[in-house]
Amino acid sequence: MPEYMPLILYYPNNETYTLTPDDKVRVMKKSLSEILTRYYPFAGRLHTPTAPYIDCDDEGVVFVEAKHDSQMNMLQHVSDENDNVGQLYVDGMFWPNSPYTESLMGVQVNHFVCGGMAVAISLSHKVGDGCTLGSFVSHWASVARYGSTDHKEVLPLDPYYVQLPATTNFVPLEIVDLLPRRPNAVTRKFLFPNSKLSDLKNKVIAEGGSTLSINNPTRV
């Protein structure tokens, strides 16, 4: 699949932190370079749209910084159909209209005038899925927090990559022929108001109590 899976993480300004925006970016770059030794295919290149292999040449991932004249909350809750959302990602690496590019991963750090920051990550669907992207980001965040992949608090993670040539079909044709045909498929989109999400977060905090120590659950 040629699409890039997008993931964006918003971080509001916290005046208690002593790190400057430049310091944060340096930490991110250093930790990213360290974990790419484990996720080495992401740092390679796909030199043609139909290439059956990844050239693991260690060219690295695309890393971009951008400054926005707007407040972070103006873009934090907009739909992915809004054209402004694409500005938060590396050019051309935004679902679903992703043109071909050799790079398999892109990271764009967005700085807002309010002091907030948004980290947008794009991963080619040809090298991973949502679970892969989540594992990668969790490992990256852990290394960024503790400073090294060898730190005792960083769980060892050694992903295994199958060394097999790619095929033109993910599913055998004989299985595809057995799948039911759905010419009149219907999709639905569910929107959750911010007020309802806040109610759910408060419910989680109340039910969790001191046992789970959930003080600020995420919107997810």
N, C-alpha and C. Protein backbone atom coordinates (compact mmCIF):
# COMPACT_ATOMS: atom_id res chain seq x y z
N MET A 1 0.84 -1.18 0.00
CA MET A 1 0.00 0.00 0.00
C MET A 1 0.89 1.24 0.00
N PRO A 2 0.60 2.23 -0.86
CA PRO A 2 1.48 3.40 -0.97
C PRO A 2 1.22 4.45 0.10
N GLU A 3 0.17 4.32 0.89
CA GLU A 3 -0.18 5.37 1.84
C GLU A 3 0.80 5.44 3.01
N TYR A 4 0.83 6.64 3.60
CA TYR A 4 1.60 6.85 4.82
C TYR A 4 0.63 6.95 5.99
N MET A 5 0.88 6.17 7.02
CA MET A 5 0.04 6.22 8.21
C MET A 5 0.45 7.43 9.05
N PRO A 6 -0.50 8.31 9.37
CA PRO A 6 -0.16 9.50 10.15
C PRO A 6 -0.45 9.34 11.63
N LEU A 7 0.40 9.90 12.43
CA LEU A 7 0.18 9.97 13.88
C LEU A 7 0.71 11.31 14.36
N ILE A 8 -0.12 12.02 15.11
CA ILE A 8 0.33 13.32 15.61
C ILE A 8 0.10 13.38 17.12
N LEU A 9 1.11 13.87 17.82
CA LEU A 9 1.09 13.96 19.29
C LEU A 9 1.19 15.44 19.68
N TYR A 10 0.22 15.91 20.45
CA TYR A 10 0.18 17.31 20.87
C TYR A 10 0.70 17.46 22.30
N TYR A 11 1.56 18.47 22.49
CA TYR A 11 2.11 18.74 23.82
C TYR A 11 1.90 20.22 24.15
N PRO A 12 0.96 20.52 25.05
CA PRO A 12 0.75 21.93 25.43
C PRO A 12 1.95 22.48 26.18
N ASN A 13 2.07 23.78 26.20
CA ASN A 13 3.18 24.44 26.88
C ASN A 13 3.10 24.20 28.38
N ASN A 14 4.21 23.78 28.95
CA ASN A 14 4.30 23.55 30.39
C ASN A 14 5.48 24.36 30.91
N GLU A 15 5.17 25.43 31.63
CA GLU A 15 6.21 26.36 32.08
C GLU A 15 7.10 25.78 33.17
N THR A 16 6.72 24.64 33.73
CA THR A 16 7.55 24.04 34.77
C THR A 16 8.77 23.32 34.19
N TYR A 17 8.73 23.03 32.89
CA TYR A 17 9.86 22.35 32.27
C TYR A 17 10.95 23.35 31.96
N THR A 18 12.18 22.94 32.16
CA THR A 18 13.31 23.84 31.94
C THR A 18 13.89 23.71 30.54
N LEU A 19 13.52 22.67 29.82
CA LEU A 19 14.06 22.47 28.47
C LEU A 19 13.49 23.50 27.50
N THR A 20 14.35 24.10 26.70
CA THR A 20 13.91 25.01 25.65
C THR A 20 13.45 24.19 24.45
N PRO A 21 12.72 24.81 23.49
CA PRO A 21 12.33 24.08 22.29
C PRO A 21 13.53 23.46 21.57
N ASP A 22 14.64 24.18 21.51
CA ASP A 22 15.84 23.63 20.86
C ASP A 22 16.37 22.42 21.62
N ASP A 23 16.32 22.47 22.96
CA ASP A 23 16.77 21.34 23.77
C ASP A 23 15.91 20.11 23.50
N LYS A 24 14.60 20.31 23.41
CA LYS A 24 13.68 19.20 23.17
C LYS A 24 13.97 18.54 21.82
N VAL A 25 14.22 19.36 20.82
CA VAL A 25 14.49 18.82 19.48
C VAL A 25 15.79 18.03 19.48
N ARG A 26 16.80 18.53 20.20
CA ARG A 26 18.07 17.80 20.27
C ARG A 26 17.88 16.43 20.93
N VAL A 27 17.08 16.38 21.98
CA VAL A 27 16.80 15.11 22.64
C VAL A 27 16.07 14.16 21.69
N MET A 28 15.12 14.69 20.96
CA MET A 28 14.35 13.87 20.02
C MET A 28 15.24 13.31 18.91
N LYS A 29 16.10 14.14 18.38
CA LYS A 29 16.98 13.69 17.30
C LYS A 29 17.95 12.61 17.79
N LYS A 30 18.52 12.84 18.96
CA LYS A 30 19.49 11.88 19.49
C LYS A 30 18.84 10.52 19.76
N SER A 31 17.68 10.54 20.43
CA SER A 31 17.01 9.29 20.74
C SER A 31 16.49 8.60 19.49
N LEU A 32 16.05 9.38 18.51
CA LEU A 32 15.57 8.80 17.25
C LEU A 32 16.70 8.08 16.53
N SER A 33 17.87 8.69 16.49
CA SER A 33 19.00 8.04 15.82
C SER A 33 19.41 6.75 16.51
N GLU A 34 19.20 6.70 17.84
CA GLU A 34 19.58 5.50 18.59
C GLU A 34 18.62 4.34 18.31
N ILE A 35 17.32 4.60 18.30
CA ILE A 35 16.40 3.48 18.12
C ILE A 35 16.29 3.05 16.66
N LEU A 36 16.73 3.89 15.74
CA LEU A 36 16.72 3.47 14.34
C LEU A 36 17.69 2.34 14.08
N THR A 37 18.63 2.11 14.99
CA THR A 37 19.50 0.95 14.85
C THR A 37 18.72 -0.34 15.04
N ARG A 38 17.61 -0.28 15.79
CA ARG A 38 16.74 -1.44 15.97
C ARG A 38 15.71 -1.54 14.85
N TYR A 39 15.21 -0.38 14.43
CA TYR A 39 14.21 -0.33 13.35
C TYR A 39 14.90 0.09 12.04
N TYR A 40 15.95 -0.60 11.71
CA TYR A 40 16.81 -0.17 10.60
C TYR A 40 16.12 -0.07 9.24
N PRO A 41 15.06 -0.88 8.94
CA PRO A 41 14.43 -0.70 7.61
C PRO A 41 13.82 0.69 7.43
N PHE A 42 13.38 1.31 8.53
CA PHE A 42 12.74 2.62 8.42
C PHE A 42 13.71 3.69 7.91
N ALA A 43 15.00 3.47 8.13
CA ALA A 43 16.01 4.44 7.71
C ALA A 43 16.50 4.16 6.29
N GLY A 44 15.92 3.17 5.63
CA GLY A 44 16.32 2.83 4.27
C GLY A 44 15.51 3.57 3.24
N ARG A 45 15.59 3.11 2.01
CA ARG A 45 14.91 3.76 0.90
C ARG A 45 14.23 2.74 0.00
N LEU A 46 13.10 3.14 -0.57
CA LEU A 46 12.39 2.34 -1.55
C LEU A 46 12.54 3.08 -2.88
N HIS A 47 13.50 2.63 -3.70
CA HIS A 47 13.93 3.44 -4.84
C HIS A 47 12.96 3.46 -6.00
N THR A 48 12.00 2.55 -6.04
CA THR A 48 10.94 2.60 -7.05
C THR A 48 9.63 2.25 -6.36
N PRO A 49 8.51 2.73 -6.90
CA PRO A 49 7.22 2.45 -6.24
C PRO A 49 6.90 0.97 -6.13
N THR A 50 7.45 0.15 -7.05
CA THR A 50 7.13 -1.28 -7.04
C THR A 50 8.31 -2.15 -6.63
N ALA A 51 9.34 -1.54 -6.06
CA ALA A 51 10.53 -2.31 -5.67
C ALA A 51 10.15 -3.38 -4.65
N PRO A 52 10.60 -4.62 -4.83
CA PRO A 52 10.25 -5.70 -3.91
C PRO A 52 11.15 -5.76 -2.68
N TYR A 53 11.97 -4.76 -2.47
CA TYR A 53 12.89 -4.78 -1.34
C TYR A 53 13.16 -3.35 -0.88
N ILE A 54 13.69 -3.24 0.33
CA ILE A 54 14.11 -1.94 0.88
C ILE A 54 15.63 -1.90 0.89
N ASP A 55 16.18 -0.84 0.36
CA ASP A 55 17.63 -0.66 0.39
C ASP A 55 18.01 -0.07 1.74
N CYS A 56 18.53 -0.91 2.64
CA CYS A 56 18.90 -0.46 4.00
C CYS A 56 20.24 0.24 3.96
N ASP A 57 20.24 1.47 3.44
CA ASP A 57 21.47 2.23 3.25
C ASP A 57 21.74 3.21 4.38
N ASP A 58 20.89 3.21 5.41
CA ASP A 58 21.07 4.08 6.59
C ASP A 58 21.08 5.56 6.25
N GLU A 59 20.32 5.94 5.24
CA GLU A 59 20.21 7.37 4.92
C GLU A 59 19.42 8.13 5.98
N GLY A 60 18.64 7.41 6.77
CA GLY A 60 17.90 8.05 7.85
C GLY A 60 16.48 8.42 7.45
N VAL A 61 15.74 8.96 8.41
CA VAL A 61 14.37 9.39 8.16
C VAL A 61 14.36 10.90 7.92
N VAL A 62 13.29 11.38 7.32
CA VAL A 62 13.14 12.82 7.10
C VAL A 62 12.73 13.47 8.41
N PHE A 63 13.47 14.49 8.84
CA PHE A 63 13.18 15.19 10.10
C PHE A 63 13.09 16.68 9.80
N VAL A 64 11.93 17.27 10.06
CA VAL A 64 11.67 18.66 9.69
C VAL A 64 11.15 19.42 10.91
N GLU A 65 11.54 20.69 11.03
CA GLU A 65 10.99 21.58 12.03
C GLU A 65 10.17 22.66 11.33
N ALA A 66 9.04 23.02 11.92
CA ALA A 66 8.18 24.06 11.35
C ALA A 66 7.66 24.96 12.46
N LYS A 67 7.52 26.24 12.14
CA LYS A 67 6.97 27.20 13.09
C LYS A 67 5.65 27.73 12.55
N HIS A 68 4.64 27.78 13.43
CA HIS A 68 3.31 28.23 13.03
C HIS A 68 2.94 29.49 13.80
N ASP A 69 2.27 30.40 13.11
CA ASP A 69 1.85 31.65 13.74
C ASP A 69 0.53 31.52 14.48
N SER A 70 -0.01 30.33 14.54
CA SER A 70 -1.32 30.11 15.16
C SER A 70 -1.16 29.45 16.54
N GLN A 71 -2.28 29.41 17.26
CA GLN A 71 -2.32 28.71 18.54
C GLN A 71 -2.50 27.21 18.29
N MET A 72 -1.94 26.38 19.15
CA MET A 72 -2.02 24.94 18.93
C MET A 72 -3.46 24.44 18.97
N ASN A 73 -4.29 25.02 19.85
CA ASN A 73 -5.66 24.51 19.99
C ASN A 73 -6.51 24.79 18.76
N MET A 74 -6.04 25.65 17.84
CA MET A 74 -6.78 25.91 16.61
C MET A 74 -6.71 24.72 15.66
N LEU A 75 -5.68 23.90 15.80
CA LEU A 75 -5.51 22.75 14.91
C LEU A 75 -5.64 21.42 15.63
N GLN A 76 -5.74 21.46 16.94
CA GLN A 76 -5.68 20.23 17.72
C GLN A 76 -6.89 19.33 17.51
N HIS A 77 -8.06 19.92 17.27
CA HIS A 77 -9.28 19.12 17.21
C HIS A 77 -9.97 19.19 15.84
N VAL A 78 -9.26 19.62 14.82
CA VAL A 78 -9.88 19.69 13.50
C VAL A 78 -9.86 18.32 12.85
N SER A 79 -10.73 18.14 11.86
CA SER A 79 -10.83 16.86 11.17
C SER A 79 -9.64 16.66 10.25
N ASP A 80 -9.31 15.38 9.98
CA ASP A 80 -8.20 15.09 9.08
C ASP A 80 -8.53 15.47 7.64
N GLU A 81 -9.79 15.84 7.39
CA GLU A 81 -10.17 16.30 6.06
C GLU A 81 -9.85 17.77 5.87
N ASN A 82 -9.49 18.46 6.94
CA ASN A 82 -9.12 19.87 6.87
C ASN A 82 -7.73 20.00 6.24
N ASP A 83 -7.62 20.88 5.24
CA ASP A 83 -6.35 21.04 4.53
C ASP A 83 -5.23 21.49 5.45
N ASN A 84 -5.57 22.20 6.54
CA ASN A 84 -4.53 22.71 7.43
C ASN A 84 -3.81 21.61 8.18
N VAL A 85 -4.46 20.46 8.36
CA VAL A 85 -3.84 19.36 9.09
C VAL A 85 -2.62 18.85 8.33
N GLY A 86 -2.71 18.81 7.01
CA GLY A 86 -1.59 18.33 6.21
C GLY A 86 -0.33 19.16 6.38
N GLN A 87 -0.48 20.42 6.82
CA GLN A 87 0.69 21.27 7.03
C GLN A 87 1.52 20.82 8.22
N LEU A 88 0.94 20.01 9.08
CA LEU A 88 1.67 19.56 10.26
C LEU A 88 2.56 18.38 9.97
N TYR A 89 2.43 17.78 8.79
CA TYR A 89 3.21 16.60 8.42
C TYR A 89 4.25 16.96 7.36
N VAL A 90 5.26 16.10 7.27
CA VAL A 90 6.25 16.26 6.22
C VAL A 90 5.56 16.24 4.87
N ASP A 91 5.98 17.11 3.96
CA ASP A 91 5.34 17.22 2.65
C ASP A 91 5.23 15.86 1.97
N GLY A 92 4.01 15.55 1.52
CA GLY A 92 3.81 14.32 0.77
C GLY A 92 3.66 13.08 1.61
N MET A 93 3.73 13.19 2.93
CA MET A 93 3.64 12.01 3.79
C MET A 93 2.41 12.11 4.69
N PHE A 94 1.26 12.31 4.07
CA PHE A 94 0.04 12.46 4.83
C PHE A 94 -1.07 11.66 4.17
N TRP A 95 -1.68 10.80 4.94
CA TRP A 95 -2.80 9.97 4.49
C TRP A 95 -3.95 10.87 4.09
N PRO A 96 -4.73 10.52 3.03
CA PRO A 96 -4.60 9.32 2.21
C PRO A 96 -3.96 9.59 0.84
N ASN A 97 -3.71 10.87 0.53
CA ASN A 97 -3.20 11.21 -0.80
C ASN A 97 -1.68 11.36 -0.77
N SER A 98 -1.00 10.24 -0.58
CA SER A 98 0.45 10.26 -0.44
C SER A 98 1.10 9.95 -1.78
N PRO A 99 1.77 10.91 -2.39
CA PRO A 99 2.50 10.58 -3.62
C PRO A 99 3.73 9.74 -3.31
N TYR A 100 4.30 9.16 -4.33
CA TYR A 100 5.47 8.30 -4.11
C TYR A 100 6.67 9.12 -3.65
N THR A 101 7.37 8.63 -2.65
CA THR A 101 8.63 9.18 -2.22
C THR A 101 9.52 8.04 -1.73
N GLU A 102 10.82 8.20 -1.87
CA GLU A 102 11.74 7.12 -1.50
C GLU A 102 11.77 6.90 0.01
N SER A 103 11.57 7.96 0.79
CA SER A 103 11.68 7.86 2.25
C SER A 103 10.50 7.07 2.81
N LEU A 104 10.78 6.27 3.83
CA LEU A 104 9.76 5.42 4.42
C LEU A 104 9.17 6.01 5.70
N MET A 105 9.85 6.98 6.29
CA MET A 105 9.34 7.61 7.50
C MET A 105 9.68 9.08 7.51
N GLY A 106 8.75 9.88 8.02
CA GLY A 106 8.99 11.31 8.16
C GLY A 106 8.52 11.79 9.51
N VAL A 107 9.26 12.74 10.09
CA VAL A 107 8.90 13.34 11.38
C VAL A 107 8.95 14.86 11.22
N GLN A 108 7.88 15.51 11.64
CA GLN A 108 7.86 16.97 11.62
C GLN A 108 7.50 17.49 13.01
N VAL A 109 8.38 18.32 13.56
CA VAL A 109 8.14 18.94 14.86
C VAL A 109 7.59 20.33 14.62
N ASN A 110 6.38 20.59 15.11
CA ASN A 110 5.69 21.85 14.89
C ASN A 110 5.71 22.69 16.16
N HIS A 111 6.21 23.92 16.05
CA HIS A 111 6.24 24.84 17.17
C HIS A 111 5.15 25.90 16.98
N PHE A 112 4.35 26.16 18.03
CA PHE A 112 3.28 27.14 17.97
C PHE A 112 3.61 28.34 18.83
N VAL A 113 2.96 29.47 18.54
CA VAL A 113 3.26 30.71 19.26
C VAL A 113 2.91 30.61 20.74
N CYS A 114 2.00 29.71 21.09
CA CYS A 114 1.61 29.54 22.49
C CYS A 114 2.65 28.78 23.29
N GLY A 115 3.67 28.25 22.60
CA GLY A 115 4.68 27.44 23.28
C GLY A 115 4.41 25.95 23.18
N GLY A 116 3.23 25.59 22.67
CA GLY A 116 2.91 24.18 22.49
C GLY A 116 3.68 23.58 21.33
N MET A 117 3.69 22.27 21.29
CA MET A 117 4.44 21.56 20.25
C MET A 117 3.64 20.34 19.79
N ALA A 118 3.70 20.07 18.50
CA ALA A 118 3.03 18.89 17.94
C ALA A 118 4.06 18.10 17.14
N VAL A 119 4.15 16.81 17.41
CA VAL A 119 5.07 15.93 16.71
C VAL A 119 4.26 15.04 15.76
N ALA A 120 4.45 15.22 14.47
CA ALA A 120 3.71 14.46 13.46
C ALA A 120 4.64 13.41 12.86
N ILE A 121 4.19 12.16 12.88
CA ILE A 121 5.01 11.05 12.41
C ILE A 121 4.27 10.33 11.30
N SER A 122 4.96 10.04 10.21
CA SER A 122 4.39 9.33 9.07
C SER A 122 5.22 8.08 8.81
N LEU A 123 4.55 6.94 8.66
CA LEU A 123 5.23 5.68 8.36
C LEU A 123 4.57 5.04 7.16
N SER A 124 5.40 4.64 6.20
CA SER A 124 4.88 3.98 5.01
C SER A 124 4.19 2.67 5.38
N HIS A 125 3.01 2.46 4.81
CA HIS A 125 2.27 1.23 5.09
C HIS A 125 2.95 0.01 4.47
N LYS A 126 3.95 0.25 3.64
CA LYS A 126 4.66 -0.87 3.02
C LYS A 126 5.61 -1.54 4.00
N VAL A 127 5.97 -0.86 5.07
CA VAL A 127 6.92 -1.44 6.02
C VAL A 127 6.33 -1.68 7.40
N GLY A 128 5.09 -1.31 7.61
CA GLY A 128 4.52 -1.52 8.93
C GLY A 128 3.04 -1.20 8.97
N ASP A 129 2.42 -1.50 10.11
CA ASP A 129 1.01 -1.20 10.31
C ASP A 129 0.87 -0.34 11.56
N GLY A 130 -0.37 -0.18 12.02
CA GLY A 130 -0.61 0.66 13.19
C GLY A 130 0.08 0.17 14.44
N CYS A 131 0.11 -1.14 14.61
CA CYS A 131 0.79 -1.73 15.77
C CYS A 131 2.29 -1.45 15.72
N THR A 132 2.86 -1.55 14.52
CA THR A 132 4.28 -1.26 14.34
C THR A 132 4.59 0.18 14.71
N LEU A 133 3.76 1.10 14.23
CA LEU A 133 3.97 2.52 14.50
C LEU A 133 3.85 2.82 15.99
N GLY A 134 2.85 2.20 16.64
CA GLY A 134 2.68 2.41 18.07
C GLY A 134 3.87 1.90 18.87
N SER A 135 4.39 0.73 18.50
CA SER A 135 5.55 0.16 19.17
C SER A 135 6.77 1.06 18.99
N PHE A 136 6.94 1.57 17.79
CA PHE A 136 8.08 2.44 17.49
C PHE A 136 8.04 3.72 18.34
N VAL A 137 6.88 4.35 18.37
CA VAL A 137 6.74 5.62 19.11
C VAL A 137 6.93 5.39 20.61
N SER A 138 6.40 4.29 21.13
CA SER A 138 6.57 4.00 22.56
C SER A 138 8.04 3.81 22.91
N HIS A 139 8.75 3.09 22.05
CA HIS A 139 10.17 2.86 22.29
C HIS A 139 10.96 4.16 22.19
N TRP A 140 10.63 4.97 21.19
CA TRP A 140 11.30 6.26 21.01
C TRP A 140 11.08 7.15 22.24
N ALA A 141 9.85 7.23 22.72
CA ALA A 141 9.55 8.06 23.88
C ALA A 141 10.30 7.58 25.11
N SER A 142 10.42 6.27 25.27
CA SER A 142 11.11 5.72 26.42
C SER A 142 12.59 6.07 26.39
N VAL A 143 13.21 5.94 25.23
CA VAL A 143 14.63 6.25 25.11
C VAL A 143 14.86 7.75 25.29
N ALA A 144 13.95 8.57 24.75
CA ALA A 144 14.08 10.03 24.90
C ALA A 144 13.99 10.42 26.37
N ARG A 145 13.17 9.71 27.11
CA ARG A 145 12.99 10.04 28.53
C ARG A 145 14.20 9.64 29.37
N TYR A 146 14.76 8.45 29.11
CA TYR A 146 15.82 7.94 29.96
C TYR A 146 17.22 8.09 29.37
N GLY A 147 17.31 8.56 28.13
CA GLY A 147 18.59 8.95 27.59
C GLY A 147 19.39 7.91 26.85
N SER A 148 19.01 6.64 26.93
CA SER A 148 19.80 5.61 26.27
C SER A 148 18.99 4.34 26.11
N THR A 149 19.27 3.59 25.06
CA THR A 149 18.60 2.30 24.86
C THR A 149 19.07 1.27 25.89
N ASP A 150 20.19 1.55 26.55
CA ASP A 150 20.73 0.62 27.55
C ASP A 150 20.24 0.90 28.97
N HIS A 151 19.43 1.95 29.14
CA HIS A 151 18.95 2.27 30.47
C HIS A 151 18.05 1.16 30.99
N LYS A 152 18.13 0.90 32.30
CA LYS A 152 17.39 -0.22 32.89
C LYS A 152 15.88 -0.04 32.78
N GLU A 153 15.40 1.20 32.65
CA GLU A 153 13.97 1.45 32.55
C GLU A 153 13.44 1.30 31.12
N VAL A 154 14.35 1.17 30.17
CA VAL A 154 13.95 1.01 28.77
C VAL A 154 13.86 -0.48 28.47
N LEU A 155 12.66 -0.94 28.15
CA LEU A 155 12.48 -2.35 27.87
C LEU A 155 13.23 -2.75 26.61
N PRO A 156 13.93 -3.87 26.62
CA PRO A 156 14.65 -4.30 25.42
C PRO A 156 13.65 -4.63 24.31
N LEU A 157 13.91 -4.13 23.14
CA LEU A 157 13.02 -4.37 22.02
C LEU A 157 13.85 -4.63 20.78
N ASP A 158 13.78 -5.83 20.28
CA ASP A 158 14.53 -6.21 19.09
C ASP A 158 13.57 -6.79 18.06
N PRO A 159 12.93 -5.93 17.28
CA PRO A 159 11.98 -6.43 16.27
C PRO A 159 12.67 -7.31 15.25
N TYR A 160 11.95 -8.30 14.78
CA TYR A 160 12.48 -9.24 13.81
C TYR A 160 11.84 -8.97 12.45
N TYR A 161 12.66 -8.88 11.42
CA TYR A 161 12.17 -8.59 10.08
C TYR A 161 12.35 -9.81 9.19
N VAL A 162 11.27 -10.22 8.57
CA VAL A 162 11.29 -11.40 7.72
C VAL A 162 11.99 -11.07 6.41
N GLN A 163 13.02 -11.83 6.08
CA GLN A 163 13.80 -11.58 4.87
C GLN A 163 13.23 -12.39 3.70
N LEU A 164 12.07 -11.98 3.23
CA LEU A 164 11.44 -12.65 2.10
C LEU A 164 11.08 -11.63 1.04
N PRO A 165 11.14 -12.02 -0.24
CA PRO A 165 10.76 -11.07 -1.30
C PRO A 165 9.27 -10.77 -1.24
N ALA A 166 8.92 -9.53 -1.54
CA ALA A 166 7.51 -9.14 -1.52
C ALA A 166 6.77 -9.77 -2.68
N THR A 167 5.50 -10.00 -2.49
CA THR A 167 4.65 -10.53 -3.55
C THR A 167 3.67 -9.47 -4.00
N THR A 168 3.05 -9.68 -5.12
CA THR A 168 2.12 -8.69 -5.65
C THR A 168 0.79 -8.70 -4.91
N ASN A 169 0.48 -9.81 -4.24
CA ASN A 169 -0.78 -9.92 -3.52
C ASN A 169 -0.53 -10.31 -2.06
N PHE A 170 -1.14 -9.57 -1.14
CA PHE A 170 -1.01 -9.91 0.27
C PHE A 170 -1.81 -11.17 0.59
N VAL A 171 -2.92 -11.38 -0.12
CA VAL A 171 -3.79 -12.53 0.13
C VAL A 171 -3.83 -13.38 -1.13
N PRO A 172 -3.66 -14.71 -1.01
CA PRO A 172 -3.72 -15.57 -2.20
C PRO A 172 -5.02 -15.37 -2.97
N LEU A 173 -4.92 -15.44 -4.29
CA LEU A 173 -6.09 -15.19 -5.13
C LEU A 173 -7.22 -16.16 -4.84
N GLU A 174 -6.88 -17.41 -4.50
CA GLU A 174 -7.94 -18.38 -4.23
C GLU A 174 -8.74 -18.00 -3.01
N ILE A 175 -8.11 -17.29 -2.07
CA ILE A 175 -8.83 -16.83 -0.89
C ILE A 175 -9.65 -15.59 -1.22
N VAL A 176 -9.08 -14.72 -2.05
CA VAL A 176 -9.80 -13.51 -2.46
C VAL A 176 -11.11 -13.88 -3.14
N ASP A 177 -11.08 -14.93 -3.97
CA ASP A 177 -12.29 -15.34 -4.69
C ASP A 177 -13.39 -15.82 -3.75
N LEU A 178 -13.02 -16.23 -2.54
CA LEU A 178 -14.01 -16.72 -1.59
C LEU A 178 -14.60 -15.61 -0.74
N LEU A 179 -13.97 -14.44 -0.75
CA LEU A 179 -14.47 -13.34 0.06
C LEU A 179 -15.80 -12.82 -0.47
N PRO A 180 -16.74 -12.47 0.41
CA PRO A 180 -18.04 -11.97 -0.05
C PRO A 180 -17.91 -10.63 -0.76
N ARG A 181 -18.70 -10.44 -1.79
CA ARG A 181 -18.70 -9.19 -2.53
C ARG A 181 -19.67 -8.21 -1.86
N ARG A 182 -19.21 -6.99 -1.66
CA ARG A 182 -20.06 -5.98 -1.03
C ARG A 182 -20.07 -4.71 -1.87
N PRO A 183 -20.85 -4.73 -2.94
CA PRO A 183 -20.85 -3.55 -3.83
C PRO A 183 -21.48 -2.32 -3.20
N ASN A 184 -22.34 -2.52 -2.19
CA ASN A 184 -23.04 -1.39 -1.57
C ASN A 184 -22.56 -1.17 -0.14
N ALA A 185 -21.25 -1.18 0.03
CA ALA A 185 -20.69 -0.99 1.37
C ALA A 185 -21.00 0.40 1.89
N VAL A 186 -21.21 0.49 3.20
CA VAL A 186 -21.54 1.75 3.84
C VAL A 186 -20.54 2.00 4.96
N THR A 187 -20.05 3.21 5.05
CA THR A 187 -19.14 3.57 6.15
C THR A 187 -19.79 4.65 7.00
N ARG A 188 -19.40 4.71 8.25
CA ARG A 188 -19.94 5.71 9.17
C ARG A 188 -18.80 6.38 9.93
N LYS A 189 -19.03 7.62 10.27
CA LYS A 189 -18.05 8.38 11.03
C LYS A 189 -18.69 8.82 12.34
N PHE A 190 -18.02 8.52 13.44
CA PHE A 190 -18.55 8.86 14.76
C PHE A 190 -17.74 10.03 15.33
N LEU A 191 -18.43 11.07 15.74
CA LEU A 191 -17.79 12.25 16.32
C LEU A 191 -18.15 12.34 17.80
N PHE A 192 -17.13 12.50 18.64
CA PHE A 192 -17.34 12.60 20.09
C PHE A 192 -17.03 14.03 20.53
N PRO A 193 -18.00 14.76 21.03
CA PRO A 193 -17.75 16.14 21.50
C PRO A 193 -16.72 16.16 22.63
N ASN A 194 -16.01 17.27 22.72
CA ASN A 194 -15.00 17.40 23.77
C ASN A 194 -15.60 17.25 25.16
N SER A 195 -16.83 17.72 25.33
CA SER A 195 -17.47 17.63 26.64
C SER A 195 -17.69 16.17 27.05
N LYS A 196 -18.07 15.33 26.10
CA LYS A 196 -18.28 13.92 26.41
C LYS A 196 -16.97 13.21 26.72
N LEU A 197 -15.91 13.58 25.99
CA LEU A 197 -14.60 12.99 26.27
C LEU A 197 -14.13 13.39 27.67
N SER A 198 -14.39 14.63 28.04
CA SER A 198 -14.02 15.08 29.38
C SER A 198 -14.78 14.30 30.45
N ASP A 199 -16.07 14.03 30.19
CA ASP A 199 -16.87 13.25 31.14
C ASP A 199 -16.29 11.84 31.29
N LEU A 200 -15.88 11.25 30.16
CA LEU A 200 -15.31 9.90 30.21
C LEU A 200 -13.99 9.89 30.98
N LYS A 201 -13.16 10.92 30.77
CA LYS A 201 -11.89 11.00 31.48
C LYS A 201 -12.13 11.11 32.99
N ASN A 202 -13.10 11.93 33.38
CA ASN A 202 -13.41 12.08 34.81
C ASN A 202 -13.93 10.77 35.39
N LYS A 203 -14.68 10.02 34.59
CA LYS A 203 -15.20 8.73 35.04
C LYS A 203 -14.07 7.74 35.27
N VAL A 204 -13.08 7.74 34.37
CA VAL A 204 -11.92 6.85 34.52
C VAL A 204 -11.14 7.19 35.78
N ILE A 205 -10.96 8.49 36.03
CA ILE A 205 -10.22 8.93 37.22
C ILE A 205 -10.96 8.49 38.49
N ALA A 206 -12.29 8.66 38.47
CA ALA A 206 -13.09 8.32 39.66
C ALA A 206 -13.10 6.82 39.92
N GLU A 207 -13.22 6.03 38.86
CA GLU A 207 -13.29 4.58 39.03
C GLU A 207 -11.92 3.97 39.30
N GLY A 208 -10.87 4.60 38.77
CA GLY A 208 -9.53 4.06 38.96
C GLY A 208 -9.04 4.21 40.38
N GLY A 209 -9.36 5.39 40.97
CA GLY A 209 -8.95 5.62 42.34
C GLY A 209 -7.44 5.56 42.51
N SER A 210 -7.01 5.24 43.70
CA SER A 210 -5.58 5.18 43.99
C SER A 210 -4.94 3.89 43.51
N THR A 211 -5.78 2.90 43.19
CA THR A 211 -5.24 1.60 42.78
C THR A 211 -4.53 1.69 41.44
N LEU A 212 -5.18 2.33 40.47
CA LEU A 212 -4.61 2.41 39.12
C LEU A 212 -3.73 3.65 38.94
N SER A 213 -3.89 4.64 39.81
CA SER A 213 -3.10 5.86 39.74
C SER A 213 -3.21 6.53 38.38
N ILE A 214 -4.44 6.63 37.89
CA ILE A 214 -4.69 7.31 36.62
C ILE A 214 -5.18 8.71 36.93
N ASN A 215 -4.29 9.68 36.86
CA ASN A 215 -4.63 11.04 37.20
C ASN A 215 -5.05 11.87 35.99
N ASN A 216 -4.49 11.52 34.84
CA ASN A 216 -4.81 12.30 33.65
C ASN A 216 -4.83 11.38 32.42
N PRO A 217 -5.90 10.60 32.27
CA PRO A 217 -5.98 9.69 31.12
C PRO A 217 -6.03 10.47 29.82
N THR A 218 -5.52 9.87 28.77
CA THR A 218 -5.50 10.54 27.47
C THR A 218 -6.87 10.56 26.84
N ARG A 219 -7.03 11.35 25.80
CA ARG A 219 -8.30 11.39 25.06
C ARG A 219 -8.56 10.06 24.37
N VAL A 220 -7.49 9.35 24.02
CA VAL A 220 -7.65 8.04 23.39
C VAL A 220 -8.26 7.05 24.35
